[in-house]
PDB file of all heavy atoms in Angstrom:
ATOM      1  N   ASP A   1    -142.075  56.106  82.440  1.00  0.00           N
ATOM      2  CA  ASP A   1    -140.799  56.794  82.202  1.00  0.00           C
ATOM      3  C   ASP A   1    -139.629  55.804  82.862  1.00  0.00           C
ATOM      4  O   ASP A   1    -138.856  56.267  83.609  1.00  0.00           O
ATOM      5  CB  ASP A   1    -140.702  58.093  82.844  1.00  0.00           C
ATOM      6  CG  ASP A   1    -139.558  58.841  82.341  1.00  0.00           C
ATOM      7  OD1 ASP A   1    -138.994  58.533  81.235  1.00  0.00           O
ATOM      8  OD2 ASP A   1    -139.152  59.848  83.036  1.00  0.00           O
ATOM      9  N   CYS A   2    -139.719  54.517  82.602  1.00  0.00           N
ATOM     10  CA  CYS A   2    -138.744  53.619  83.195  1.00  0.00           C
ATOM     11  C   CYS A   2    -137.321  53.727  82.589  1.00  0.00           C
ATOM     12  O   CYS A   2    -137.160  53.825  81.390  1.00  0.00           O
ATOM     13  CB  CYS A   2    -139.249  52.187  83.011  1.00  0.00           C
ATOM     14  SG  CYS A   2    -140.763  51.795  83.856  1.00  0.00           S
ATOM     15  N   GLU A   3    -136.297  53.733  83.389  1.00  0.00           N
ATOM     16  CA  GLU A   3    -134.957  53.612  83.037  1.00  0.00           C
ATOM     17  C   GLU A   3    -134.383  52.292  83.484  1.00  0.00           C
ATOM     18  O   GLU A   3    -134.548  51.945  84.664  1.00  0.00           O
ATOM     19  CB  GLU A   3    -134.138  54.817  83.738  1.00  0.00           C
ATOM     20  CG  GLU A   3    -134.484  56.190  83.326  1.00  0.00           C
ATOM     21  CD  GLU A   3    -133.694  57.228  84.111  1.00  0.00           C
ATOM     22  OE1 GLU A   3    -132.723  56.907  84.862  1.00  0.00           O
ATOM     23  OE2 GLU A   3    -134.143  58.401  84.039  1.00  0.00           O
ATOM     24  N   ILE A   4    -133.863  51.598  82.540  1.00  0.00           N
ATOM     25  CA  ILE A   4    -133.322  50.222  82.767  1.00  0.00           C
ATOM     26  C   ILE A   4    -131.818  50.226  82.731  1.00  0.00           C
ATOM     27  O   ILE A   4    -131.241  50.472  81.666  1.00  0.00           O
ATOM     28  CB  ILE A   4    -134.027  49.199  81.801  1.00  0.00           C
ATOM     29  CG1 ILE A   4    -135.566  49.270  81.862  1.00  0.00           C
ATOM     30  CG2 ILE A   4    -133.369  47.827  82.064  1.00  0.00           C
ATOM     31  CD1 ILE A   4    -136.188  48.422  80.806  1.00  0.00           C
ATOM     32  N   LEU A   5    -131.205  49.819  83.884  1.00  0.00           N
ATOM     33  CA  LEU A   5    -129.772  49.597  83.992  1.00  0.00           C
ATOM     34  C   LEU A   5    -129.529  48.143  84.335  1.00  0.00           C
ATOM     35  O   LEU A   5    -130.244  47.686  85.191  1.00  0.00           O
ATOM     36  CB  LEU A   5    -129.194  50.471  84.967  1.00  0.00           C
ATOM     37  CG  LEU A   5    -129.444  52.056  84.821  1.00  0.00           C
ATOM     38  CD1 LEU A   5    -129.003  52.801  86.072  1.00  0.00           C
ATOM     39  CD2 LEU A   5    -128.771  52.545  83.601  1.00  0.00           C
ATOM     40  N   TYR A   6    -128.556  47.463  83.611  1.00  0.00           N
ATOM     41  CA  TYR A   6    -128.444  46.098  83.876  1.00  0.00           C
ATOM     42  C   TYR A   6    -127.050  45.620  83.654  1.00  0.00           C
ATOM     43  O   TYR A   6    -126.266  46.163  82.897  1.00  0.00           O
ATOM     44  CB  TYR A   6    -129.436  45.251  83.219  1.00  0.00           C
ATOM     45  CG  TYR A   6    -129.375  45.388  81.717  1.00  0.00           C
ATOM     46  CD1 TYR A   6    -128.587  44.467  80.955  1.00  0.00           C
ATOM     47  CD2 TYR A   6    -129.994  46.241  80.962  1.00  0.00           C
ATOM     48  CE1 TYR A   6    -128.493  44.431  79.555  1.00  0.00           C
ATOM     49  CE2 TYR A   6    -129.878  46.370  79.579  1.00  0.00           C
ATOM     50  CZ  TYR A   6    -129.062  45.438  78.874  1.00  0.00           C
ATOM     51  OH  TYR A   6    -128.913  45.496  77.544  1.00  0.00           O
ATOM     52  N   THR A   7    -126.775  44.444  84.319  1.00  0.00           N
ATOM     53  CA  THR A   7    -125.634  43.616  84.012  1.00  0.00           C
ATOM     54  C   THR A   7    -126.224  42.282  83.514  1.00  0.00           C
ATOM     55  O   THR A   7    -127.330  42.176  83.303  1.00  0.00           O
ATOM     56  CB  THR A   7    -124.674  43.420  85.205  1.00  0.00           C
ATOM     57  OG1 THR A   7    -125.407  42.709  86.259  1.00  0.00           O
ATOM     58  CG2 THR A   7    -124.254  44.833  85.821  1.00  0.00           C
ATOM     59  N   ASP A   8    -125.312  41.298  83.518  1.00  0.00           N
ATOM     60  CA  ASP A   8    -125.895  39.982  83.086  1.00  0.00           C
ATOM     61  C   ASP A   8    -126.641  39.306  84.203  1.00  0.00           C
ATOM     62  O   ASP A   8    -127.332  38.273  83.961  1.00  0.00           O
ATOM     63  CB  ASP A   8    -124.704  39.037  82.599  1.00  0.00           C
ATOM     64  CG  ASP A   8    -124.185  39.328  81.177  1.00  0.00           C
ATOM     65  OD1 ASP A   8    -125.153  39.741  80.404  1.00  0.00           O
ATOM     66  OD2 ASP A   8    -123.103  39.322  80.970  1.00  0.00           O
ATOM     67  N   LYS A   9    -126.468  39.720  85.449  1.00  0.00           N
ATOM     68  CA  LYS A   9    -127.153  39.044  86.620  1.00  0.00           C
ATOM     69  C   LYS A   9    -128.136  39.894  87.493  1.00  0.00           C
ATOM     70  O   LYS A   9    -128.908  39.437  88.208  1.00  0.00           O
ATOM     71  CB  LYS A   9    -126.096  38.488  87.450  1.00  0.00           C
ATOM     72  CG  LYS A   9    -125.220  37.516  86.831  1.00  0.00           C
ATOM     73  CD  LYS A   9    -125.952  36.212  86.585  1.00  0.00           C
ATOM     74  CE  LYS A   9    -125.117  35.192  85.915  1.00  0.00           C
ATOM     75  NZ  LYS A   9    -125.888  34.097  85.377  1.00  0.00           N
ATOM     76  N   LYS A  10    -128.021  41.277  87.169  1.00  0.00           N
ATOM     77  CA  LYS A  10    -128.861  42.160  88.009  1.00  0.00           C
ATOM     78  C   LYS A  10    -129.337  43.348  87.153  1.00  0.00           C
ATOM     79  O   LYS A  10    -128.664  43.783  86.388  1.00  0.00           O
ATOM     80  CB  LYS A  10    -127.952  42.658  89.184  1.00  0.00           C
ATOM     81  CG  LYS A  10    -128.787  43.339  90.252  1.00  0.00           C
ATOM     82  CD  LYS A  10    -127.820  43.639  91.444  1.00  0.00           C
ATOM     83  CE  LYS A  10    -128.652  44.380  92.571  1.00  0.00           C
ATOM     84  NZ  LYS A  10    -127.688  44.746  93.680  1.00  0.00           N
ATOM     85  N   ALA A  11    -130.520  43.873  87.495  1.00  0.00           N
ATOM     86  CA  ALA A  11    -131.097  45.014  86.807  1.00  0.00           C
ATOM     87  C   ALA A  11    -131.679  45.912  87.858  1.00  0.00           C
ATOM     88  O   ALA A  11    -132.363  45.433  88.884  1.00  0.00           O
ATOM     89  CB  ALA A  11    -132.066  44.447  85.734  1.00  0.00           C
ATOM     90  N   ARG A  12    -131.516  47.206  87.529  1.00  0.00           N
ATOM     91  CA  ARG A  12    -132.141  48.259  88.379  1.00  0.00           C
ATOM     92  C   ARG A  12    -133.114  48.971  87.389  1.00  0.00           C
ATOM     93  O   ARG A  12    -132.635  49.442  86.401  1.00  0.00           O
ATOM     94  CB  ARG A  12    -131.205  49.142  88.989  1.00  0.00           C
ATOM     95  CG  ARG A  12    -131.864  50.415  89.709  1.00  0.00           C
ATOM     96  CD  ARG A  12    -130.897  51.326  90.168  1.00  0.00           C
ATOM     97  NE  ARG A  12    -131.547  52.555  90.554  1.00  0.00           N
ATOM     98  CZ  ARG A  12    -131.062  53.416  91.429  1.00  0.00           C
ATOM     99  NH1 ARG A  12    -129.977  53.134  92.125  1.00  0.00           N
ATOM    100  NH2 ARG A  12    -131.671  54.536  91.650  1.00  0.00           N
ATOM    101  N   ILE A  13    -134.318  49.024  87.819  1.00  0.00           N
ATOM    102  CA  ILE A  13    -135.280  49.751  86.881  1.00  0.00           C
ATOM    103  C   ILE A  13    -136.064  50.841  87.740  1.00  0.00           C
ATOM    104  O   ILE A  13    -136.691  50.485  88.685  1.00  0.00           O
ATOM    105  CB  ILE A  13    -136.354  48.711  86.309  1.00  0.00           C
ATOM    106  CG1 ILE A  13    -135.635  47.641  85.575  1.00  0.00           C
ATOM    107  CG2 ILE A  13    -137.374  49.479  85.441  1.00  0.00           C
ATOM    108  CD1 ILE A  13    -136.501  46.558  85.064  1.00  0.00           C
ATOM    109  N   ASP A  14    -135.777  52.063  87.368  1.00  0.00           N
ATOM    110  CA  ASP A  14    -136.332  53.212  87.961  1.00  0.00           C
ATOM    111  C   ASP A  14    -137.553  53.655  87.201  1.00  0.00           C
ATOM    112  O   ASP A  14    -137.454  53.901  85.968  1.00  0.00           O
ATOM    113  CB  ASP A  14    -135.391  54.358  88.099  1.00  0.00           C
ATOM    114  CG  ASP A  14    -134.179  54.082  89.006  1.00  0.00           C
ATOM    115  OD1 ASP A  14    -134.387  53.343  89.892  1.00  0.00           O
ATOM    116  OD2 ASP A  14    -133.049  54.633  88.721  1.00  0.00           O
ATOM    117  N   CYS A  15    -138.763  53.743  87.808  1.00  0.00           N
ATOM    118  CA  CYS A  15    -139.923  54.102  87.203  1.00  0.00           C
ATOM    119  C   CYS A  15    -140.781  55.208  88.081  1.00  0.00           C
ATOM    120  O   CYS A  15    -140.261  55.394  89.208  1.00  0.00           O
ATOM    121  CB  CYS A  15    -140.937  52.912  87.003  1.00  0.00           C
ATOM    122  SG  CYS A  15    -140.179  51.624  85.967  1.00  0.00           S
ATOM    123  N   TRP A  16    -141.857  55.577  87.588  1.00  0.00           N
ATOM    124  CA  TRP A  16    -142.767  56.332  88.329  1.00  0.00           C
ATOM    125  C   TRP A  16    -144.107  55.598  88.398  1.00  0.00           C
ATOM    126  O   TRP A  16    -144.549  54.981  87.556  1.00  0.00           O
ATOM    127  CB  TRP A  16    -143.035  57.722  87.594  1.00  0.00           C
ATOM    128  CG  TRP A  16    -141.819  58.547  87.540  1.00  0.00           C
ATOM    129  CD1 TRP A  16    -141.011  58.623  86.430  1.00  0.00           C
ATOM    130  CD2 TRP A  16    -141.245  59.383  88.510  1.00  0.00           C
ATOM    131  NE1 TRP A  16    -139.996  59.504  86.720  1.00  0.00           N
ATOM    132  CE2 TRP A  16    -140.112  59.973  88.015  1.00  0.00           C
ATOM    133  CE3 TRP A  16    -141.612  59.786  89.833  1.00  0.00           C
ATOM    134  CZ2 TRP A  16    -139.291  60.844  88.671  1.00  0.00           C
ATOM    135  CZ3 TRP A  16    -140.859  60.624  90.530  1.00  0.00           C
ATOM    136  CH2 TRP A  16    -139.704  61.143  90.022  1.00  0.00           C
ATOM    137  N   ILE A  17    -144.722  55.587  89.582  1.00  0.00           N
ATOM    138  CA  ILE A  17    -146.077  55.083  89.816  1.00  0.00           C
ATOM    139  C   ILE A  17    -147.058  56.160  89.316  1.00  0.00           C
ATOM    140  O   ILE A  17    -147.045  57.208  89.958  1.00  0.00           O
ATOM    141  CB  ILE A  17    -146.310  54.665  91.238  1.00  0.00           C
ATOM    142  CG1 ILE A  17    -145.291  53.579  91.707  1.00  0.00           C
ATOM    143  CG2 ILE A  17    -147.766  54.224  91.405  1.00  0.00           C
ATOM    144  CD1 ILE A  17    -145.336  53.231  93.197  1.00  0.00           C
ATOM    145  N   MET A  18    -147.773  55.926  88.347  1.00  0.00           N
ATOM    146  CA  MET A  18    -148.601  56.896  87.688  1.00  0.00           C
ATOM    147  C   MET A  18    -149.982  56.626  87.676  1.00  0.00           C
ATOM    148  O   MET A  18    -150.459  55.417  87.410  1.00  0.00           O
ATOM    149  CB  MET A  18    -148.190  57.259  86.187  1.00  0.00           C
ATOM    150  CG  MET A  18    -146.758  57.774  86.143  1.00  0.00           C
ATOM    151  SD  MET A  18    -146.452  58.182  84.377  1.00  0.00           S
ATOM    152  CE  MET A  18    -144.930  59.107  84.617  1.00  0.00           C
ATOM    153  N   ASP A  19    -150.885  57.651  87.940  1.00  0.00           N
ATOM    154  CA  ASP A  19    -152.266  57.506  87.760  1.00  0.00           C
ATOM    155  C   ASP A  19    -152.674  58.186  86.530  1.00  0.00           C
ATOM    156  O   ASP A  19    -151.856  58.477  85.647  1.00  0.00           O
ATOM    157  CB  ASP A  19    -153.035  58.023  89.019  1.00  0.00           C
ATOM    158  CG  ASP A  19    -152.702  59.438  89.320  1.00  0.00           C
ATOM    159  OD1 ASP A  19    -152.061  60.162  88.535  1.00  0.00           O
ATOM    160  OD2 ASP A  19    -153.232  59.963  90.305  1.00  0.00           O
ATOM    161  N   SER A  20    -153.985  58.656  86.306  1.00  0.00           N
ATOM    162  CA  SER A  20    -154.462  59.288  85.118  1.00  0.00           C
ATOM    163  C   SER A  20    -153.774  60.663  84.906  1.00  0.00           C
ATOM    164  O   SER A  20    -153.786  61.136  83.763  1.00  0.00           O
ATOM    165  CB  SER A  20    -155.926  59.366  85.127  1.00  0.00           C
ATOM    166  OG  SER A  20    -156.293  60.103  86.211  1.00  0.00           O
ATOM    167  N   THR A  21    -153.279  61.342  85.945  1.00  0.00           N
ATOM    168  CA  THR A  21    -152.679  62.568  85.818  1.00  0.00           C
ATOM    169  C   THR A  21    -151.159  62.502  85.246  1.00  0.00           C
ATOM    170  O   THR A  21    -150.663  63.451  84.924  1.00  0.00           O
ATOM    171  CB  THR A  21    -152.577  63.364  87.138  1.00  0.00           C
ATOM    172  OG1 THR A  21    -151.799  62.619  88.005  1.00  0.00           O
ATOM    173  CG2 THR A  21    -154.026  63.562  87.774  1.00  0.00           C
ATOM    174  N   HIS A  22    -150.616  61.268  85.383  1.00  0.00           N
ATOM    175  CA  HIS A  22    -149.255  61.022  84.986  1.00  0.00           C
ATOM    176  C   HIS A  22    -148.274  61.951  85.648  1.00  0.00           C
ATOM    177  O   HIS A  22    -147.200  62.219  85.176  1.00  0.00           O
ATOM    178  CB  HIS A  22    -149.093  61.172  83.377  1.00  0.00           C
ATOM    179  CG  HIS A  22    -149.723  60.082  82.682  1.00  0.00           C
ATOM    180  ND1 HIS A  22    -149.012  59.056  82.105  1.00  0.00           N
ATOM    181  CD2 HIS A  22    -151.065  59.778  82.517  1.00  0.00           C
ATOM    182  CE1 HIS A  22    -149.916  58.287  81.580  1.00  0.00           C
ATOM    183  NE2 HIS A  22    -151.085  58.666  81.796  1.00  0.00           N
ATOM    184  N   ALA A  23    -148.575  62.304  86.903  1.00  0.00           N
ATOM    185  CA  ALA A  23    -147.621  63.047  87.792  1.00  0.00           C
ATOM    186  C   ALA A  23    -146.511  62.224  88.133  1.00  0.00           C
ATOM    187  O   ALA A  23    -146.609  61.036  88.409  1.00  0.00           O
ATOM    188  CB  ALA A  23    -148.369  63.535  89.055  1.00  0.00           C
ATOM    189  N   GLN A  24    -145.279  62.784  88.093  1.00  0.00           N
ATOM    190  CA  GLN A  24    -144.067  62.116  88.453  1.00  0.00           C
ATOM    191  C   GLN A  24    -143.690  62.431  89.831  1.00  0.00           C
ATOM    192  O   GLN A  24    -142.659  63.095  90.128  1.00  0.00           O
ATOM    193  CB  GLN A  24    -142.958  62.381  87.429  1.00  0.00           C
ATOM    194  CG  GLN A  24    -143.264  61.872  86.134  1.00  0.00           C
ATOM    195  CD  GLN A  24    -142.153  62.038  85.093  1.00  0.00           C
ATOM    196  OE1 GLN A  24    -141.202  62.765  85.422  1.00  0.00           O
ATOM    197  NE2 GLN A  24    -142.136  61.363  84.046  1.00  0.00           N
ATOM    198  N   ASP A  25    -144.606  61.999  90.965  1.00  0.00           N
ATOM    199  CA  ASP A  25    -144.215  62.319  92.276  1.00  0.00           C
ATOM    200  C   ASP A  25    -144.141  61.066  93.027  1.00  0.00           C
ATOM    201  O   ASP A  25    -143.894  61.121  94.323  1.00  0.00           O
ATOM    202  CB  ASP A  25    -145.312  63.197  92.802  1.00  0.00           C
ATOM    203  CG  ASP A  25    -146.759  62.657  92.745  1.00  0.00           C
ATOM    204  OD1 ASP A  25    -146.885  61.656  92.125  1.00  0.00           O
ATOM    205  OD2 ASP A  25    -147.627  63.320  93.193  1.00  0.00           O
ATOM    206  N   ARG A  26    -144.254  59.832  92.515  1.00  0.00           N
ATOM    207  CA  ARG A  26    -144.039  58.553  93.225  1.00  0.00           C
ATOM    208  C   ARG A  26    -143.079  57.707  92.684  1.00  0.00           C
ATOM    209  O   ARG A  26    -143.409  56.712  91.871  1.00  0.00           O
ATOM    210  CB  ARG A  26    -145.415  57.890  93.364  1.00  0.00           C
ATOM    211  CG  ARG A  26    -146.493  58.803  94.083  1.00  0.00           C
ATOM    212  CD  ARG A  26    -147.671  58.037  94.663  1.00  0.00           C
ATOM    213  NE  ARG A  26    -147.305  56.889  95.510  1.00  0.00           N
ATOM    214  CZ  ARG A  26    -147.917  55.742  95.433  1.00  0.00           C
ATOM    215  NH1 ARG A  26    -148.971  55.632  94.684  1.00  0.00           N
ATOM    216  NH2 ARG A  26    -147.519  54.720  96.232  1.00  0.00           N
ATOM    217  N   PRO A  27    -141.859  57.887  92.894  1.00  0.00           N
ATOM    218  CA  PRO A  27    -140.826  57.109  92.257  1.00  0.00           C
ATOM    219  C   PRO A  27    -140.663  55.737  92.876  1.00  0.00           C
ATOM    220  O   PRO A  27    -140.887  55.542  94.145  1.00  0.00           O
ATOM    221  CB  PRO A  27    -139.508  57.976  92.465  1.00  0.00           C
ATOM    222  CG  PRO A  27    -139.823  58.596  93.739  1.00  0.00           C
ATOM    223  CD  PRO A  27    -141.247  58.924  93.759  1.00  0.00           C
TER     224      PRO A  27
END
């Protein structure tokens, strides 16, 4: 579930670290 925000020189990518349960508890 990555969200990618960027300019021409910098990017911020917010994701979740997921295991087989796909729980979204480790951003």
